[in-house]
């Protein structure tokens, strides 16, 4: 009998909370009143640019096609990635690789004044290379490259969030 009342009470709590409009909110990294943004890059179709656009849209930031129409401009200056051997096996062959990605960027306001100076967002990781299963090792590297790219995008978006926090503080 007590178990039944516990379930009824729990159901009543959920029903009450849903009826009043209460819901868990996401944690947007950028304030809603951030404005529009233009992204300039030597390679506009690179995977980092595509992920950055996706992340900005997820934060309700409008991306415009011309710098003159934007409140802010992200200028990607350089996009590097590399892979190097970080450990050898007893046969003196690669046993572990370290992969690295870095993006240099600046952010300008509508007047062309830098609001974020030249900054490097970087991420790195290591993975074990298995000579017996080369395909699995290549797939692991590809997955890690995607993870590193997402981490770099998160770093850039967090930095934009700092700009929006400063903007809110001056209003």
C-alpha atoms as a PDB file:
ATOM      1  CA  UNK A   1       0.000   0.000   0.000  1.00  0.00           C
ATOM      2  CA  UNK A   2       2.728   2.596   0.848  1.00  0.00           C
ATOM      3  CA  UNK A   3       4.435   1.832  -2.472  1.00  0.00           C
ATOM      4  CA  UNK A   4       1.209   2.695  -4.318  1.00  0.00           C
ATOM      5  CA  UNK A   5       0.929   6.073  -2.544  1.00  0.00           C
ATOM      6  CA  UNK A   6       4.558   6.796  -3.338  1.00  0.00           C
ATOM      7  CA  UNK A   7       3.917   6.238  -7.048  1.00  0.00           C
ATOM      8  CA  UNK A   8       0.749   8.349  -6.925  1.00  0.00           C
ATOM      9  CA  UNK A   9       2.650  11.164  -5.181  1.00  0.00           C
ATOM     10  CA  UNK A  10       5.465  11.004  -7.725  1.00  0.00           C
ATOM     11  CA  UNK A  11       2.988  11.078 -10.617  1.00  0.00           C
ATOM     12  CA  UNK A  12       1.235  14.074  -9.021  1.00  0.00           C
ATOM     13  CA  UNK A  13       4.544  15.978  -8.737  1.00  0.00           C
ATOM     14  CA  UNK A  14       5.405  15.358 -12.414  1.00  0.00           C
ATOM     15  CA  UNK A  15       1.881  16.290 -13.493  1.00  0.00           C
ATOM     16  CA  UNK A  16       1.960  19.508 -11.480  1.00  0.00           C
ATOM     17  CA  UNK A  17       5.383  20.522 -12.785  1.00  0.00           C
ATOM     18  CA  UNK A  18       4.468  19.838 -16.413  1.00  0.00           C
ATOM     19  CA  UNK A  19       1.148  21.671 -16.055  1.00  0.00           C
ATOM     20  CA  UNK A  20       2.784  24.885 -14.825  1.00  0.00           C
ATOM     21  CA  UNK A  21       5.161  24.991 -17.800  1.00  0.00           C
ATOM     22  CA  UNK A  22       8.297  24.116 -15.876  1.00  0.00           C
ATOM     23  CA  UNK A  23      10.970  22.376 -17.931  1.00  0.00           C
ATOM     24  CA  UNK A  24      14.701  21.822 -17.871  1.00  0.00           C
ATOM     25  CA  UNK A  25      16.464  24.493 -19.860  1.00  0.00           C
ATOM     26  CA  UNK A  26      19.497  24.004 -22.037  1.00  0.00           C
ATOM     27  CA  UNK A  27      22.681  25.793 -21.167  1.00  0.00           C
ATOM     28  CA  UNK A  28      23.283  28.170 -24.078  1.00  0.00           C
ATOM     29  CA  UNK A  29      26.865  29.335 -24.244  1.00  0.00           C
ATOM     30  CA  UNK A  30      25.971  32.559 -26.039  1.00  0.00           C
ATOM     31  CA  UNK A  31      23.350  35.094 -25.017  1.00  0.00           C
ATOM     32  CA  UNK A  32      20.290  35.347 -27.268  1.00  0.00           C
ATOM     33  CA  UNK A  33      20.910  39.010 -28.080  1.00  0.00           C
ATOM     34  CA  UNK A  34      24.387  38.329 -29.502  1.00  0.00           C
ATOM     35  CA  UNK A  35      23.506  39.521 -33.010  1.00  0.00           C
ATOM     36  CA  UNK A  36      24.671  38.341 -36.383  1.00  0.00           C
ATOM     37  CA  UNK A  37      28.022  36.863 -37.309  1.00  0.00           C
ATOM     38  CA  UNK A  38      30.082  36.405 -40.455  1.00  0.00           C
ATOM     39  CA  UNK A  39      32.728  33.690 -40.763  1.00  0.00           C
ATOM     40  CA  UNK A  40      35.688  34.292 -43.032  1.00  0.00           C
ATOM     41  CA  UNK A  41      38.141  31.535 -43.837  1.00  0.00           C
ATOM     42  CA  UNK A  42      40.527  30.579 -46.635  1.00  0.00           C
ATOM     43  CA  UNK A  43      38.586  27.303 -46.969  1.00  0.00           C
ATOM     44  CA  UNK A  44      34.878  27.980 -46.452  1.00  0.00           C
ATOM     45  CA  UNK A  45      33.966  24.295 -46.878  1.00  0.00           C
ATOM     46  CA  UNK A  46      36.418  22.868 -44.346  1.00  0.00           C
ATOM     47  CA  UNK A  47      35.000  20.578 -41.698  1.00  0.00           C
ATOM     48  CA  UNK A  48      35.893  23.026 -38.896  1.00  0.00           C
ATOM     49  CA  UNK A  49      33.862  25.792 -40.576  1.00  0.00           C
ATOM     50  CA  UNK A  50      30.901  23.470 -41.095  1.00  0.00           C
ATOM     51  CA  UNK A  51      30.990  22.412 -37.418  1.00  0.00           C
ATOM     52  CA  UNK A  52      31.384  26.030 -36.274  1.00  0.00           C
ATOM     53  CA  UNK A  53      28.337  27.092 -38.305  1.00  0.00           C
ATOM     54  CA  UNK A  54      26.357  24.186 -36.875  1.00  0.00           C
ATOM     55  CA  UNK A  55      27.325  25.138 -33.306  1.00  0.00           C
ATOM     56  CA  UNK A  56      26.453  28.800 -33.841  1.00  0.00           C
ATOM     57  CA  UNK A  57      23.061  27.894 -35.286  1.00  0.00           C
ATOM     58  CA  UNK A  58      22.463  25.604 -32.298  1.00  0.00           C
ATOM     59  CA  UNK A  59      23.040  28.676 -30.099  1.00  0.00           C
ATOM     60  CA  UNK A  60      20.518  30.702 -32.163  1.00  0.00           C
ATOM     61  CA  UNK A  61      23.167  32.898 -33.777  1.00  0.00           C
ATOM     62  CA  UNK A  62      22.338  34.112 -37.263  1.00  0.00           C
ATOM     63  CA  UNK A  63      25.158  33.636 -39.771  1.00  0.00           C
ATOM     64  CA  UNK A  64      25.202  36.202 -42.576  1.00  0.00           C
ATOM     65  CA  UNK A  65      26.863  36.041 -45.973  1.00  0.00           C
ATOM     66  CA  UNK A  66      28.664  39.392 -45.876  1.00  0.00           C
ATOM     67  CA  UNK A  67      30.870  41.034 -43.263  1.00  0.00           C
ATOM     68  CA  UNK A  68      29.120  44.373 -43.822  1.00  0.00           C
ATOM     69  CA  UNK A  69      25.820  42.860 -42.580  1.00  0.00           C
ATOM     70  CA  UNK A  70      27.299  41.301 -39.428  1.00  0.00           C
ATOM     71  CA  UNK A  71      27.629  42.515 -35.865  1.00  0.00           C
ATOM     72  CA  UNK A  72      30.733  40.337 -35.474  1.00  0.00           C
ATOM     73  CA  UNK A  73      33.196  38.608 -37.782  1.00  0.00           C
ATOM     74  CA  UNK A  74      35.153  35.450 -36.981  1.00  0.00           C
ATOM     75  CA  UNK A  75      38.261  35.369 -39.130  1.00  0.00           C
ATOM     76  CA  UNK A  76      39.936  31.959 -39.314  1.00  0.00           C
ATOM     77  CA  UNK A  77      43.617  32.664 -39.933  1.00  0.00           C
ATOM     78  CA  UNK A  78      45.054  29.143 -39.919  1.00  0.00           C
ATOM     79  CA  UNK A  79      43.832  25.581 -39.507  1.00  0.00           C
ATOM     80  CA  UNK A  80      46.491  22.940 -38.783  1.00  0.00           C
ATOM     81  CA  UNK A  81      46.448  19.292 -37.968  1.00  0.00           C
ATOM     82  CA  UNK A  82      49.250  16.827 -37.549  1.00  0.00           C
ATOM     83  CA  UNK A  83      50.056  13.302 -36.480  1.00  0.00           C
ATOM     84  CA  UNK A  84      53.297  12.071 -34.989  1.00  0.00           C
ATOM     85  CA  UNK A  85      54.591   8.877 -33.456  1.00  0.00           C
ATOM     86  CA  UNK A  86      54.551   9.075 -29.678  1.00  0.00           C
ATOM     87  CA  UNK A  87      55.604   5.505 -28.804  1.00  0.00           C
ATOM     88  CA  UNK A  88      57.380   2.615 -30.502  1.00  0.00           C
ATOM     89  CA  UNK A  89      56.834  -1.099 -30.076  1.00  0.00           C
ATOM     90  CA  UNK A  90      59.765  -3.530 -29.475  1.00  0.00           C
ATOM     91  CA  UNK A  91      60.202  -3.852 -33.279  1.00  0.00           C
ATOM     92  CA  UNK A  92      60.821  -0.084 -33.491  1.00  0.00           C
ATOM     93  CA  UNK A  93      57.504   0.457 -35.297  1.00  0.00           C
ATOM     94  CA  UNK A  94      54.796   2.935 -34.358  1.00  0.00           C
ATOM     95  CA  UNK A  95      52.721   1.702 -31.431  1.00  0.00           C
ATOM     96  CA  UNK A  96      51.060   4.977 -30.503  1.00  0.00           C
ATOM     97  CA  UNK A  97      50.307   8.196 -32.360  1.00  0.00           C
ATOM     98  CA  UNK A  98      49.598  11.678 -31.104  1.00  0.00           C
ATOM     99  CA  UNK A  99      47.181  13.742 -33.183  1.00  0.00           C
ATOM    100  CA  UNK A 100      46.909  17.500 -32.935  1.00  0.00           C
ATOM    101  CA  UNK A 101      44.573  20.151 -34.331  1.00  0.00           C
ATOM    102  CA  UNK A 102      44.834  23.905 -33.962  1.00  0.00           C
ATOM    103  CA  UNK A 103      42.849  26.833 -35.324  1.00  0.00           C
ATOM    104  CA  UNK A 104      44.072  30.411 -35.163  1.00  0.00           C
ATOM    105  CA  UNK A 105      41.314  33.000 -35.257  1.00  0.00           C
ATOM    106  CA  UNK A 106      40.332  36.565 -34.430  1.00  0.00           C
ATOM    107  CA  UNK A 107      36.941  38.124 -33.760  1.00  0.00           C
ATOM    108  CA  UNK A 108      36.089  41.646 -34.916  1.00  0.00           C
ATOM    109  CA  UNK A 109      33.078  43.808 -34.135  1.00  0.00           C
ATOM    110  CA  UNK A 110      31.063  45.648 -36.814  1.00  0.00           C
ATOM    111  CA  UNK A 111      33.517  48.602 -36.767  1.00  0.00           C
ATOM    112  CA  UNK A 112      36.434  46.263 -37.507  1.00  0.00           C
ATOM    113  CA  UNK A 113      37.912  46.526 -34.034  1.00  0.00           C
ATOM    114  CA  UNK A 114      39.331  43.259 -32.692  1.00  0.00           C
ATOM    115  CA  UNK A 115      37.305  42.054 -29.705  1.00  0.00           C
ATOM    116  CA  UNK A 116      39.253  38.777 -29.503  1.00  0.00           C
ATOM    117  CA  UNK A 117      42.934  39.133 -30.427  1.00  0.00           C
ATOM    118  CA  UNK A 118      44.762  36.456 -32.396  1.00  0.00           C
ATOM    119  CA  UNK A 119      43.950  33.289 -30.447  1.00  0.00           C
ATOM    120  CA  UNK A 120      44.755  29.622 -30.957  1.00  0.00           C
ATOM    121  CA  UNK A 121      42.200  26.977 -30.069  1.00  0.00           C
ATOM    122  CA  UNK A 122      43.895  23.602 -29.901  1.00  0.00           C
ATOM    123  CA  UNK A 123      43.213  20.023 -28.949  1.00  0.00           C
ATOM    124  CA  UNK A 124      45.298  16.870 -28.974  1.00  0.00           C
ATOM    125  CA  UNK A 125      44.911  13.184 -28.248  1.00  0.00           C
ATOM    126  CA  UNK A 126      46.786   9.902 -28.529  1.00  0.00           C
ATOM    127  CA  UNK A 127      45.702   6.487 -29.713  1.00  0.00           C
ATOM    128  CA  UNK A 128      47.260   3.065 -29.924  1.00  0.00           C
ATOM    129  CA  UNK A 129      48.110   1.798 -33.384  1.00  0.00           C
ATOM    130  CA  UNK A 130      47.558  -1.905 -33.967  1.00  0.00           C
ATOM    131  CA  UNK A 131      49.490  -3.362 -36.890  1.00  0.00           C
ATOM    132  CA  UNK A 132      47.191  -6.376 -36.846  1.00  0.00           C
ATOM    133  CA  UNK A 133      44.067  -4.244 -37.332  1.00  0.00           C
ATOM    134  CA  UNK A 134      45.074  -1.224 -39.393  1.00  0.00           C
ATOM    135  CA  UNK A 135      41.501  -0.433 -40.451  1.00  0.00           C
ATOM    136  CA  UNK A 136      40.315  -0.205 -36.844  1.00  0.00           C
ATOM    137  CA  UNK A 137      43.248   2.066 -36.002  1.00  0.00           C
ATOM    138  CA  UNK A 138      42.421   4.342 -38.937  1.00  0.00           C
ATOM    139  CA  UNK A 139      38.778   4.486 -37.853  1.00  0.00           C
ATOM    140  CA  UNK A 140      39.835   5.332 -34.308  1.00  0.00           C
ATOM    141  CA  UNK A 141      42.020   8.143 -35.640  1.00  0.00           C
ATOM    142  CA  UNK A 142      39.136   9.501 -37.724  1.00  0.00           C
ATOM    143  CA  UNK A 143      36.812   9.470 -34.703  1.00  0.00           C
ATOM    144  CA  UNK A 144      39.418  11.218 -32.573  1.00  0.00           C
ATOM    145  CA  UNK A 145      39.943  13.870 -35.292  1.00  0.00           C
ATOM    146  CA  UNK A 146      36.185  14.562 -35.174  1.00  0.00           C
ATOM    147  CA  UNK A 147      36.309  14.785 -31.376  1.00  0.00           C
ATOM    148  CA  UNK A 148      39.230  17.220 -31.526  1.00  0.00           C
ATOM    149  CA  UNK A 149      37.409  19.337 -34.102  1.00  0.00           C
ATOM    150  CA  UNK A 150      34.322  19.515 -31.859  1.00  0.00           C
ATOM    151  CA  UNK A 151      36.492  20.506 -28.890  1.00  0.00           C
ATOM    152  CA  UNK A 152      38.039  23.343 -30.908  1.00  0.00           C
ATOM    153  CA  UNK A 153      34.577  24.541 -31.957  1.00  0.00           C
ATOM    154  CA  UNK A 154      33.477  24.465 -28.289  1.00  0.00           C
ATOM    155  CA  UNK A 155      36.501  26.591 -27.356  1.00  0.00           C
ATOM    156  CA  UNK A 156      35.622  29.173 -30.016  1.00  0.00           C
ATOM    157  CA  UNK A 157      31.954  29.248 -28.995  1.00  0.00           C
ATOM    158  CA  UNK A 158      32.902  29.629 -25.314  1.00  0.00           C
ATOM    159  CA  UNK A 159      35.088  32.586 -26.265  1.00  0.00           C
ATOM    160  CA  UNK A 160      32.167  34.127 -28.138  1.00  0.00           C
ATOM    161  CA  UNK A 161      30.096  33.556 -24.993  1.00  0.00           C
ATOM    162  CA  UNK A 162      32.586  35.691 -23.080  1.00  0.00           C
ATOM    163  CA  UNK A 163      32.025  38.486 -25.600  1.00  0.00           C
ATOM    164  CA  UNK A 164      28.264  38.212 -25.166  1.00  0.00           C
ATOM    165  CA  UNK A 165      28.668  38.286 -21.359  1.00  0.00           C
ATOM    166  CA  UNK A 166      30.742  41.482 -21.629  1.00  0.00           C
ATOM    167  CA  UNK A 167      28.163  42.929 -24.010  1.00  0.00           C
ATOM    168  CA  UNK A 168      25.361  42.188 -21.506  1.00  0.00           C
ATOM    169  CA  UNK A 169      27.408  43.806 -18.724  1.00  0.00           C
ATOM    170  CA  UNK A 170      27.802  47.093 -20.634  1.00  0.00           C
ATOM    171  CA  UNK A 171      24.116  47.426 -21.513  1.00  0.00           C
END
